Amino acid sequence: MALDSSDVEKIAYLARLGIDPADIPDYARNLSDILAFVEQLNAVDTTGVEPLAHPLEATQRLRPDAVTETVDRENFQQHAPQTEAGLYLVPRVVE
């Protein structure tokens, strides 16, 4: 699929990109090459091929889901300027 200058200008407008008019032929050629490559990929027969989440069949190492810290609210609130009923009090900023 070959793109012309009006296609490139429309794509640039939709993407809100400012491009130099002198560069439009280069953009048209590059985008046309990309679309031709995608068409080439679409022509490949992939029946019987399972999709991969990772090309190397690697699995992500995860840490155990274990509690490592406890909340010491009383200790933290001792250092706060104002607290009430377990909550931090802050000055009103919106009238």
N, C-alpha and C. Protein backbone atom coordinates (compact mmCIF):
# COMPACT_ATOMS: atom_id res chain seq x y z
N MET A 1 0.85 -1.17 0.00
CA MET A 1 0.00 0.00 0.00
C MET A 1 0.89 1.23 0.00
N ALA A 2 0.80 2.01 -1.03
CA ALA A 2 1.62 3.21 -1.14
C ALA A 2 0.83 4.43 -0.66
N LEU A 3 1.48 5.23 0.16
CA LEU A 3 0.86 6.45 0.66
C LEU A 3 1.36 7.64 -0.15
N ASP A 4 0.47 8.62 -0.33
CA ASP A 4 0.91 9.84 -1.00
C ASP A 4 0.99 10.97 0.02
N SER A 5 1.33 12.16 -0.44
CA SER A 5 1.55 13.28 0.47
C SER A 5 0.29 13.67 1.23
N SER A 6 -0.88 13.54 0.61
CA SER A 6 -2.12 13.90 1.31
C SER A 6 -2.39 12.92 2.45
N ASP A 7 -2.05 11.64 2.26
CA ASP A 7 -2.20 10.66 3.34
C ASP A 7 -1.29 11.00 4.51
N VAL A 8 -0.06 11.36 4.21
CA VAL A 8 0.90 11.70 5.26
C VAL A 8 0.43 12.95 6.01
N GLU A 9 -0.06 13.94 5.29
CA GLU A 9 -0.56 15.15 5.94
C GLU A 9 -1.75 14.85 6.84
N LYS A 10 -2.63 13.97 6.40
CA LYS A 10 -3.80 13.60 7.21
C LYS A 10 -3.36 12.84 8.47
N ILE A 11 -2.42 11.91 8.31
CA ILE A 11 -1.90 11.16 9.46
C ILE A 11 -1.23 12.10 10.45
N ALA A 12 -0.44 13.05 9.94
CA ALA A 12 0.23 14.02 10.81
C ALA A 12 -0.80 14.88 11.54
N TYR A 13 -1.86 15.27 10.85
CA TYR A 13 -2.91 16.06 11.49
C TYR A 13 -3.60 15.27 12.60
N LEU A 14 -3.94 14.01 12.32
CA LEU A 14 -4.62 13.18 13.31
C LEU A 14 -3.74 12.91 14.52
N ALA A 15 -2.43 12.80 14.29
CA ALA A 15 -1.49 12.55 15.39
C ALA A 15 -1.03 13.85 16.03
N ARG A 16 -1.54 14.96 15.52
CA ARG A 16 -1.16 16.29 16.03
C ARG A 16 0.35 16.49 15.96
N LEU A 17 0.93 16.11 14.82
CA LEU A 17 2.37 16.28 14.59
C LEU A 17 2.59 17.38 13.57
N GLY A 18 3.55 18.23 13.85
CA GLY A 18 3.95 19.23 12.88
C GLY A 18 5.15 18.71 12.11
N ILE A 19 5.01 18.56 10.81
CA ILE A 19 6.13 18.06 10.02
C ILE A 19 6.46 19.09 8.94
N ASP A 20 7.71 19.12 8.56
CA ASP A 20 8.18 20.03 7.53
C ASP A 20 7.69 19.52 6.17
N PRO A 21 7.09 20.38 5.36
CA PRO A 21 6.60 19.93 4.05
C PRO A 21 7.68 19.30 3.18
N ALA A 22 8.92 19.68 3.38
CA ALA A 22 10.00 19.09 2.59
C ALA A 22 10.25 17.64 2.97
N ASP A 23 9.84 17.25 4.19
CA ASP A 23 10.07 15.88 4.66
C ASP A 23 8.93 14.92 4.32
N ILE A 24 7.84 15.44 3.78
CA ILE A 24 6.67 14.60 3.50
C ILE A 24 6.98 13.44 2.57
N PRO A 25 7.74 13.63 1.47
CA PRO A 25 8.04 12.46 0.61
C PRO A 25 8.81 11.36 1.35
N ASP A 26 9.72 11.74 2.27
CA ASP A 26 10.45 10.72 3.04
C ASP A 26 9.51 9.97 3.98
N TYR A 27 8.60 10.72 4.62
CA TYR A 27 7.63 10.07 5.50
C TYR A 27 6.73 9.13 4.70
N ALA A 28 6.31 9.56 3.54
CA ALA A 28 5.43 8.72 2.71
C ALA A 28 6.15 7.43 2.33
N ARG A 29 7.41 7.53 1.93
CA ARG A 29 8.17 6.34 1.55
C ARG A 29 8.36 5.40 2.75
N ASN A 30 8.75 5.98 3.91
CA ASN A 30 8.98 5.15 5.10
C ASN A 30 7.69 4.47 5.58
N LEU A 31 6.60 5.23 5.63
CA LEU A 31 5.34 4.63 6.06
C LEU A 31 4.85 3.58 5.07
N SER A 32 5.07 3.81 3.79
CA SER A 32 4.68 2.81 2.78
C SER A 32 5.50 1.54 2.95
N ASP A 33 6.78 1.68 3.26
CA ASP A 33 7.62 0.50 3.50
C ASP A 33 7.15 -0.28 4.73
N ILE A 34 6.76 0.44 5.77
CA ILE A 34 6.26 -0.22 6.98
C ILE A 34 4.97 -0.98 6.68
N LEU A 35 4.06 -0.34 5.96
CA LEU A 35 2.80 -1.01 5.62
C LEU A 35 3.03 -2.21 4.71
N ALA A 36 3.99 -2.12 3.81
CA ALA A 36 4.31 -3.27 2.95
C ALA A 36 4.86 -4.42 3.78
N PHE A 37 5.66 -4.10 4.78
CA PHE A 37 6.19 -5.16 5.65
C PHE A 37 5.07 -5.81 6.45
N VAL A 38 4.13 -5.03 6.94
CA VAL A 38 3.00 -5.59 7.69
C VAL A 38 2.17 -6.49 6.78
N GLU A 39 1.97 -6.08 5.54
CA GLU A 39 1.25 -6.94 4.59
C GLU A 39 2.00 -8.24 4.35
N GLN A 40 3.32 -8.16 4.31
CA GLN A 40 4.15 -9.36 4.13
C GLN A 40 3.99 -10.29 5.34
N LEU A 41 3.95 -9.72 6.54
CA LEU A 41 3.76 -10.53 7.74
C LEU A 41 2.38 -11.16 7.77
N ASN A 42 1.37 -10.43 7.29
CA ASN A 42 0.01 -10.97 7.27
C ASN A 42 -0.13 -12.14 6.30
N ALA A 43 0.75 -12.23 5.32
CA ALA A 43 0.67 -13.30 4.34
C ALA A 43 1.22 -14.62 4.86
N VAL A 44 1.90 -14.61 5.98
CA VAL A 44 2.50 -15.83 6.54
C VAL A 44 1.40 -16.70 7.14
N ASP A 45 1.44 -17.99 6.87
CA ASP A 45 0.47 -18.93 7.42
C ASP A 45 0.86 -19.28 8.85
N THR A 46 0.03 -18.90 9.80
CA THR A 46 0.32 -19.14 11.22
C THR A 46 -0.64 -20.15 11.84
N THR A 47 -1.30 -20.94 11.03
CA THR A 47 -2.20 -21.94 11.60
C THR A 47 -1.40 -22.97 12.38
N GLY A 48 -1.88 -23.29 13.55
CA GLY A 48 -1.21 -24.27 14.40
C GLY A 48 -0.08 -23.68 15.24
N VAL A 49 0.15 -22.40 15.16
CA VAL A 49 1.20 -21.76 15.95
C VAL A 49 0.54 -21.07 17.14
N GLU A 50 0.95 -21.47 18.33
CA GLU A 50 0.38 -20.86 19.53
C GLU A 50 1.05 -19.53 19.81
N PRO A 51 0.26 -18.53 20.21
CA PRO A 51 0.86 -17.24 20.54
C PRO A 51 1.73 -17.35 21.79
N LEU A 52 2.77 -16.56 21.85
CA LEU A 52 3.68 -16.57 22.98
C LEU A 52 3.54 -15.28 23.78
N ALA A 53 3.64 -15.40 25.08
CA ALA A 53 3.68 -14.20 25.91
C ALA A 53 5.09 -13.65 25.96
N HIS A 54 6.07 -14.52 25.76
CA HIS A 54 7.48 -14.12 25.78
C HIS A 54 8.21 -14.99 24.77
N PRO A 55 9.07 -14.42 23.94
CA PRO A 55 9.70 -15.22 22.90
C PRO A 55 10.64 -16.30 23.41
N LEU A 56 11.11 -16.19 24.62
CA LEU A 56 12.05 -17.18 25.17
C LEU A 56 11.39 -18.13 26.16
N GLU A 57 10.04 -18.08 26.23
CA GLU A 57 9.31 -18.92 27.18
C GLU A 57 9.81 -18.72 28.61
N ALA A 58 10.25 -17.52 28.92
CA ALA A 58 10.74 -17.21 30.26
C ALA A 58 9.56 -16.93 31.18
N THR A 59 9.74 -17.25 32.43
CA THR A 59 8.73 -16.93 33.42
C THR A 59 9.28 -15.85 34.34
N GLN A 60 8.39 -15.03 34.83
CA GLN A 60 8.80 -13.93 35.68
C GLN A 60 9.03 -14.43 37.10
N ARG A 61 10.18 -14.04 37.65
CA ARG A 61 10.46 -14.42 39.03
C ARG A 61 9.68 -13.50 39.96
N LEU A 62 8.91 -14.10 40.81
CA LEU A 62 8.10 -13.34 41.75
C LEU A 62 8.53 -13.65 43.17
N ARG A 63 8.49 -12.63 44.01
CA ARG A 63 8.80 -12.86 45.42
C ARG A 63 7.55 -13.43 46.10
N PRO A 64 7.73 -14.10 47.21
CA PRO A 64 6.56 -14.62 47.92
C PRO A 64 5.70 -13.47 48.44
N ASP A 65 4.41 -13.67 48.42
CA ASP A 65 3.48 -12.65 48.90
C ASP A 65 3.35 -12.79 50.41
N ALA A 66 4.31 -12.20 51.11
CA ALA A 66 4.33 -12.31 52.57
C ALA A 66 4.45 -10.91 53.17
N VAL A 67 3.83 -10.73 54.32
CA VAL A 67 3.91 -9.45 55.03
C VAL A 67 5.32 -9.28 55.57
N THR A 68 5.94 -8.14 55.23
CA THR A 68 7.30 -7.90 55.70
C THR A 68 7.38 -6.74 56.68
N GLU A 69 6.36 -5.89 56.72
CA GLU A 69 6.34 -4.77 57.64
C GLU A 69 4.97 -4.70 58.30
N THR A 70 4.94 -4.19 59.50
CA THR A 70 3.67 -3.96 60.17
C THR A 70 3.48 -2.46 60.33
N VAL A 71 2.25 -2.03 60.40
CA VAL A 71 1.93 -0.62 60.55
C VAL A 71 1.93 -0.30 62.04
N ASP A 72 2.75 0.65 62.40
CA ASP A 72 2.84 1.09 63.80
C ASP A 72 2.22 2.48 63.88
N ARG A 73 0.89 2.54 63.76
CA ARG A 73 0.18 3.81 63.68
C ARG A 73 0.44 4.70 64.89
N GLU A 74 0.41 4.12 66.07
CA GLU A 74 0.59 4.94 67.28
C GLU A 74 1.96 5.63 67.26
N ASN A 75 2.99 4.91 66.86
CA ASN A 75 4.33 5.50 66.81
C ASN A 75 4.39 6.61 65.76
N PHE A 76 3.81 6.40 64.60
CA PHE A 76 3.85 7.42 63.56
C PHE A 76 3.05 8.65 63.96
N GLN A 77 1.92 8.44 64.62
CA GLN A 77 1.07 9.58 64.97
C GLN A 77 1.62 10.38 66.14
N GLN A 78 2.54 9.82 66.89
CA GLN A 78 3.18 10.59 67.96
C GLN A 78 3.97 11.76 67.38
N HIS A 79 4.48 11.60 66.17
CA HIS A 79 5.30 12.63 65.54
C HIS A 79 4.48 13.60 64.70
N ALA A 80 3.20 13.34 64.50
CA ALA A 80 2.35 14.20 63.68
C ALA A 80 1.91 15.42 64.51
N PRO A 81 1.75 16.58 63.85
CA PRO A 81 1.32 17.77 64.59
C PRO A 81 -0.06 17.61 65.23
N GLN A 82 -1.03 17.03 64.50
CA GLN A 82 -2.38 16.86 65.05
C GLN A 82 -2.99 15.55 64.55
N THR A 83 -3.60 14.82 65.47
CA THR A 83 -4.33 13.61 65.11
C THR A 83 -5.61 13.57 65.92
N GLU A 84 -6.57 12.81 65.41
CA GLU A 84 -7.82 12.63 66.14
C GLU A 84 -8.45 11.32 65.69
N ALA A 85 -8.76 10.46 66.61
CA ALA A 85 -9.42 9.17 66.35
C ALA A 85 -8.65 8.35 65.33
N GLY A 86 -7.32 8.38 65.41
CA GLY A 86 -6.50 7.58 64.52
C GLY A 86 -6.28 8.19 63.15
N LEU A 87 -6.72 9.43 62.94
CA LEU A 87 -6.58 10.09 61.65
C LEU A 87 -5.65 11.29 61.79
N TYR A 88 -4.99 11.65 60.69
CA TYR A 88 -4.14 12.84 60.67
C TYR A 88 -5.01 14.05 60.33
N LEU A 89 -4.85 15.11 61.08
CA LEU A 89 -5.58 16.35 60.82
C LEU A 89 -4.67 17.31 60.07
N VAL A 90 -5.19 17.87 58.98
CA VAL A 90 -4.42 18.80 58.17
C VAL A 90 -5.22 20.09 58.02
N PRO A 91 -4.54 21.21 57.77
CA PRO A 91 -5.26 22.46 57.60
C PRO A 91 -6.12 22.45 56.33
N ARG A 92 -7.22 23.14 56.39
CA ARG A 92 -8.11 23.24 55.23
C ARG A 92 -7.43 24.11 54.18
N VAL A 93 -7.42 23.64 52.93
CA VAL A 93 -6.79 24.39 51.85
C VAL A 93 -7.82 24.89 50.83
N VAL A 94 -9.02 24.37 50.86
CA VAL A 94 -10.08 24.80 49.95
C VAL A 94 -11.18 25.41 50.78
N GLU A 95 -11.55 26.62 50.44
CA GLU A 95 -12.63 27.31 51.19
C GLU A 95 -13.96 27.04 50.54
